[in-house]
Amino acid sequence: MEQFEFKKQEIMNELGEETKWIFERLEKEKIRNFDKPHEVQEKIQLVLECFRIQKYDIPMIMKHRKSHYRPVLEENDIQLIFNLDIEFG
Protein backbone atom coordinates (compact mmCIF):
# COMPACT_ATOMS: atom_id res chain seq x y z
CA MET A 1 0.00 0.00 0.00
CA GLU A 2 2.81 2.43 0.88
CA GLN A 3 4.56 1.68 -2.40
CA PHE A 4 1.35 2.51 -4.29
CA GLU A 5 1.04 5.84 -2.48
CA PHE A 6 4.69 6.62 -3.20
CA LYS A 7 4.23 5.88 -6.92
CA LYS A 8 1.04 7.98 -7.03
CA GLN A 9 2.87 10.90 -5.39
CA GLU A 10 5.75 10.51 -7.84
CA ILE A 11 3.35 10.66 -10.80
CA MET A 12 1.57 13.71 -9.39
CA ASN A 13 4.91 15.48 -8.85
CA GLU A 14 5.90 14.75 -12.44
CA LEU A 15 2.54 16.02 -13.71
CA GLY A 16 3.02 19.17 -11.64
CA GLU A 17 6.40 19.82 -13.25
CA GLU A 18 5.00 19.15 -16.71
CA THR A 19 2.00 21.40 -16.02
CA LYS A 20 4.29 24.32 -15.20
CA TRP A 21 6.42 23.64 -18.28
CA ILE A 22 3.38 23.51 -20.58
CA PHE A 23 1.92 26.67 -19.06
CA GLU A 24 5.23 28.51 -19.56
CA ARG A 25 5.40 27.33 -23.17
CA LEU A 26 1.85 28.49 -23.88
CA GLU A 27 2.60 31.87 -22.33
CA LYS A 28 6.02 32.24 -23.97
CA GLU A 29 4.67 31.49 -27.41
CA LYS A 30 1.78 33.87 -26.73
CA ILE A 31 -0.70 31.25 -27.85
CA ARG A 32 -3.24 32.63 -25.40
CA ASN A 33 -3.44 35.40 -22.84
CA PHE A 34 -4.43 33.82 -19.54
CA ASP A 35 -6.07 36.07 -16.94
CA LYS A 36 -5.96 33.51 -14.11
CA PRO A 37 -2.70 31.53 -14.32
CA HIS A 38 -3.46 29.31 -11.32
CA GLU A 39 -6.80 28.19 -12.78
CA VAL A 40 -5.18 27.52 -16.15
CA GLN A 41 -2.51 25.35 -14.53
CA GLU A 42 -5.17 23.39 -12.62
CA LYS A 43 -7.04 22.69 -15.88
CA ILE A 44 -3.83 21.74 -17.70
CA GLN A 45 -3.04 19.23 -14.97
CA LEU A 46 -6.55 17.74 -15.17
CA VAL A 47 -6.15 17.29 -18.92
CA LEU A 48 -2.72 15.70 -18.42
CA GLU A 49 -4.25 13.29 -15.91
CA CYS A 50 -6.81 12.32 -18.56
CA PHE A 51 -4.01 11.59 -21.04
CA ARG A 52 -1.45 9.97 -18.78
CA ILE A 53 -3.42 8.25 -16.01
CA GLN A 54 -6.85 7.56 -17.47
CA LYS A 55 -5.45 6.98 -20.99
CA TYR A 56 -8.17 9.06 -22.69
CA ASP A 57 -7.66 10.33 -26.21
CA ILE A 58 -8.37 13.85 -27.46
CA PRO A 59 -11.92 13.22 -28.76
CA MET A 60 -12.91 11.53 -25.49
CA ILE A 61 -11.71 14.49 -23.44
CA MET A 62 -13.25 17.09 -25.75
CA LYS A 63 -16.61 15.36 -25.86
CA HIS A 64 -17.02 13.75 -22.44
CA ARG A 65 -14.68 15.62 -20.07
CA LYS A 66 -15.49 19.24 -20.83
CA SER A 67 -15.70 19.98 -17.11
CA HIS A 68 -11.98 19.17 -16.90
CA TYR A 69 -11.04 22.12 -19.10
CA ARG A 70 -13.98 24.47 -19.63
CA PRO A 71 -14.36 27.46 -19.33
CA VAL A 72 -10.67 28.20 -18.77
CA LEU A 73 -9.35 26.28 -21.78
CA GLU A 74 -10.78 25.80 -25.25
CA GLU A 75 -10.94 22.69 -27.41
CA ASN A 76 -7.92 23.69 -29.50
CA ASP A 77 -5.90 23.95 -26.26
CA ILE A 78 -6.44 20.22 -25.69
CA GLN A 79 -4.55 19.43 -28.90
CA LEU A 80 -1.76 21.84 -27.91
CA ILE A 81 -1.48 20.23 -24.47
CA PHE A 82 -1.35 16.80 -26.09
CA ASN A 83 1.44 17.88 -28.46
CA LEU A 84 3.41 19.48 -25.63
CA ASP A 85 2.90 16.38 -23.50
CA ILE A 86 4.60 14.34 -26.23
CA GLU A 87 7.38 16.90 -26.52
CA PHE A 88 7.90 16.89 -22.75
CA GLY A 89 8.41 13.15 -22.93
C-alpha atoms as a PDB file:
ATOM      1  CA  MET A   1       0.000   0.000   0.000  1.00  0.00           C
ATOM      2  CA  GLU A   2       2.806   2.430   0.881  1.00  0.00           C
ATOM      3  CA  GLN A   3       4.557   1.679  -2.401  1.00  0.00           C
ATOM      4  CA  PHE A   4       1.352   2.510  -4.295  1.00  0.00           C
ATOM      5  CA  GLU A   5       1.042   5.844  -2.476  1.00  0.00           C
ATOM      6  CA  PHE A   6       4.690   6.625  -3.205  1.00  0.00           C
ATOM      7  CA  LYS A   7       4.227   5.876  -6.925  1.00  0.00           C
ATOM      8  CA  LYS A   8       1.043   7.979  -7.026  1.00  0.00           C
ATOM      9  CA  GLN A   9       2.868  10.905  -5.386  1.00  0.00           C
ATOM     10  CA  GLU A  10       5.753  10.514  -7.838  1.00  0.00           C
ATOM     11  CA  ILE A  11       3.348  10.661 -10.797  1.00  0.00           C
ATOM     12  CA  MET A  12       1.572  13.707  -9.395  1.00  0.00           C
ATOM     13  CA  ASN A  13       4.906  15.481  -8.846  1.00  0.00           C
ATOM     14  CA  GLU A  14       5.903  14.746 -12.439  1.00  0.00           C
ATOM     15  CA  LEU A  15       2.542  16.019 -13.707  1.00  0.00           C
ATOM     16  CA  GLY A  16       3.019  19.173 -11.641  1.00  0.00           C
ATOM     17  CA  GLU A  17       6.399  19.823 -13.254  1.00  0.00           C
ATOM     18  CA  GLU A  18       4.997  19.147 -16.707  1.00  0.00           C
ATOM     19  CA  THR A  19       1.997  21.396 -16.022  1.00  0.00           C
ATOM     20  CA  LYS A  20       4.288  24.318 -15.202  1.00  0.00           C
ATOM     21  CA  TRP A  21       6.420  23.636 -18.279  1.00  0.00           C
ATOM     22  CA  ILE A  22       3.379  23.508 -20.583  1.00  0.00           C
ATOM     23  CA  PHE A  23       1.924  26.668 -19.064  1.00  0.00           C
ATOM     24  CA  GLU A  24       5.233  28.505 -19.556  1.00  0.00           C
ATOM     25  CA  ARG A  25       5.402  27.328 -23.173  1.00  0.00           C
ATOM     26  CA  LEU A  26       1.853  28.487 -23.884  1.00  0.00           C
ATOM     27  CA  GLU A  27       2.603  31.874 -22.335  1.00  0.00           C
ATOM     28  CA  LYS A  28       6.020  32.239 -23.975  1.00  0.00           C
ATOM     29  CA  GLU A  29       4.672  31.486 -27.412  1.00  0.00           C
ATOM     30  CA  LYS A  30       1.775  33.866 -26.733  1.00  0.00           C
ATOM     31  CA  ILE A  31      -0.699  31.250 -27.851  1.00  0.00           C
ATOM     32  CA  ARG A  32      -3.238  32.630 -25.404  1.00  0.00           C
ATOM     33  CA  ASN A  33      -3.441  35.397 -22.844  1.00  0.00           C
ATOM     34  CA  PHE A  34      -4.426  33.821 -19.535  1.00  0.00           C
ATOM     35  CA  ASP A  35      -6.073  36.066 -16.940  1.00  0.00           C
ATOM     36  CA  LYS A  36      -5.958  33.514 -14.110  1.00  0.00           C
ATOM     37  CA  PRO A  37      -2.705  31.534 -14.322  1.00  0.00           C
ATOM     38  CA  HIS A  38      -3.464  29.307 -11.322  1.00  0.00           C
ATOM     39  CA  GLU A  39      -6.801  28.185 -12.779  1.00  0.00           C
ATOM     40  CA  VAL A  40      -5.178  27.523 -16.145  1.00  0.00           C
ATOM     41  CA  GLN A  41      -2.510  25.351 -14.534  1.00  0.00           C
ATOM     42  CA  GLU A  42      -5.169  23.387 -12.624  1.00  0.00           C
ATOM     43  CA  LYS A  43      -7.035  22.689 -15.878  1.00  0.00           C
ATOM     44  CA  ILE A  44      -3.829  21.738 -17.705  1.00  0.00           C
ATOM     45  CA  GLN A  45      -3.041  19.232 -14.966  1.00  0.00           C
ATOM     46  CA  LEU A  46      -6.554  17.740 -15.167  1.00  0.00           C
ATOM     47  CA  VAL A  47      -6.148  17.292 -18.922  1.00  0.00           C
ATOM     48  CA  LEU A  48      -2.719  15.699 -18.418  1.00  0.00           C
ATOM     49  CA  GLU A  49      -4.248  13.293 -15.906  1.00  0.00           C
ATOM     50  CA  CYS A  50      -6.807  12.324 -18.559  1.00  0.00           C
ATOM     51  CA  PHE A  51      -4.006  11.589 -21.041  1.00  0.00           C
ATOM     52  CA  ARG A  52      -1.453   9.972 -18.777  1.00  0.00           C
ATOM     53  CA  ILE A  53      -3.422   8.252 -16.015  1.00  0.00           C
ATOM     54  CA  GLN A  54      -6.852   7.561 -17.466  1.00  0.00           C
ATOM     55  CA  LYS A  55      -5.450   6.981 -20.991  1.00  0.00           C
ATOM     56  CA  TYR A  56      -8.172   9.060 -22.689  1.00  0.00           C
ATOM     57  CA  ASP A  57      -7.663  10.334 -26.208  1.00  0.00           C
ATOM     58  CA  ILE A  58      -8.372  13.848 -27.459  1.00  0.00           C
ATOM     59  CA  PRO A  59     -11.917  13.218 -28.757  1.00  0.00           C
ATOM     60  CA  MET A  60     -12.909  11.529 -25.487  1.00  0.00           C
ATOM     61  CA  ILE A  61     -11.710  14.491 -23.444  1.00  0.00           C
ATOM     62  CA  MET A  62     -13.246  17.092 -25.751  1.00  0.00           C
ATOM     63  CA  LYS A  63     -16.614  15.357 -25.861  1.00  0.00           C
ATOM     64  CA  HIS A  64     -17.018  13.754 -22.443  1.00  0.00           C
ATOM     65  CA  ARG A  65     -14.682  15.620 -20.075  1.00  0.00           C
ATOM     66  CA  LYS A  66     -15.491  19.245 -20.831  1.00  0.00           C
ATOM     67  CA  SER A  67     -15.701  19.981 -17.112  1.00  0.00           C
ATOM     68  CA  HIS A  68     -11.983  19.174 -16.903  1.00  0.00           C
ATOM     69  CA  TYR A  69     -11.036  22.122 -19.099  1.00  0.00           C
ATOM     70  CA  ARG A  70     -13.976  24.466 -19.625  1.00  0.00           C
ATOM     71  CA  PRO A  71     -14.363  27.457 -19.333  1.00  0.00           C
ATOM     72  CA  VAL A  72     -10.675  28.197 -18.769  1.00  0.00           C
ATOM     73  CA  LEU A  73      -9.347  26.280 -21.783  1.00  0.00           C
ATOM     74  CA  GLU A  74     -10.781  25.804 -25.251  1.00  0.00           C
ATOM     75  CA  GLU A  75     -10.942  22.695 -27.409  1.00  0.00           C
ATOM     76  CA  ASN A  76      -7.923  23.690 -29.497  1.00  0.00           C
ATOM     77  CA  ASP A  77      -5.902  23.955 -26.257  1.00  0.00           C
ATOM     78  CA  ILE A  78      -6.435  20.224 -25.695  1.00  0.00           C
ATOM     79  CA  GLN A  79      -4.553  19.433 -28.903  1.00  0.00           C
ATOM     80  CA  LEU A  80      -1.764  21.838 -27.909  1.00  0.00           C
ATOM     81  CA  ILE A  81      -1.480  20.232 -24.469  1.00  0.00           C
ATOM     82  CA  PHE A  82      -1.347  16.803 -26.088  1.00  0.00           C
ATOM     83  CA  ASN A  83       1.443  17.875 -28.457  1.00  0.00           C
ATOM     84  CA  LEU A  84       3.409  19.482 -25.628  1.00  0.00           C
ATOM     85  CA  ASP A  85       2.902  16.380 -23.495  1.00  0.00           C
ATOM     86  CA  ILE A  86       4.601  14.341 -26.229  1.00  0.00           C
ATOM     87  CA  GLU A  87       7.379  16.902 -26.521  1.00  0.00           C
ATOM     88  CA  PHE A  88       7.902  16.886 -22.750  1.00  0.00           C
ATOM     89  CA  GLY A  89       8.414  13.148 -22.931  1.00  0.00           C
END
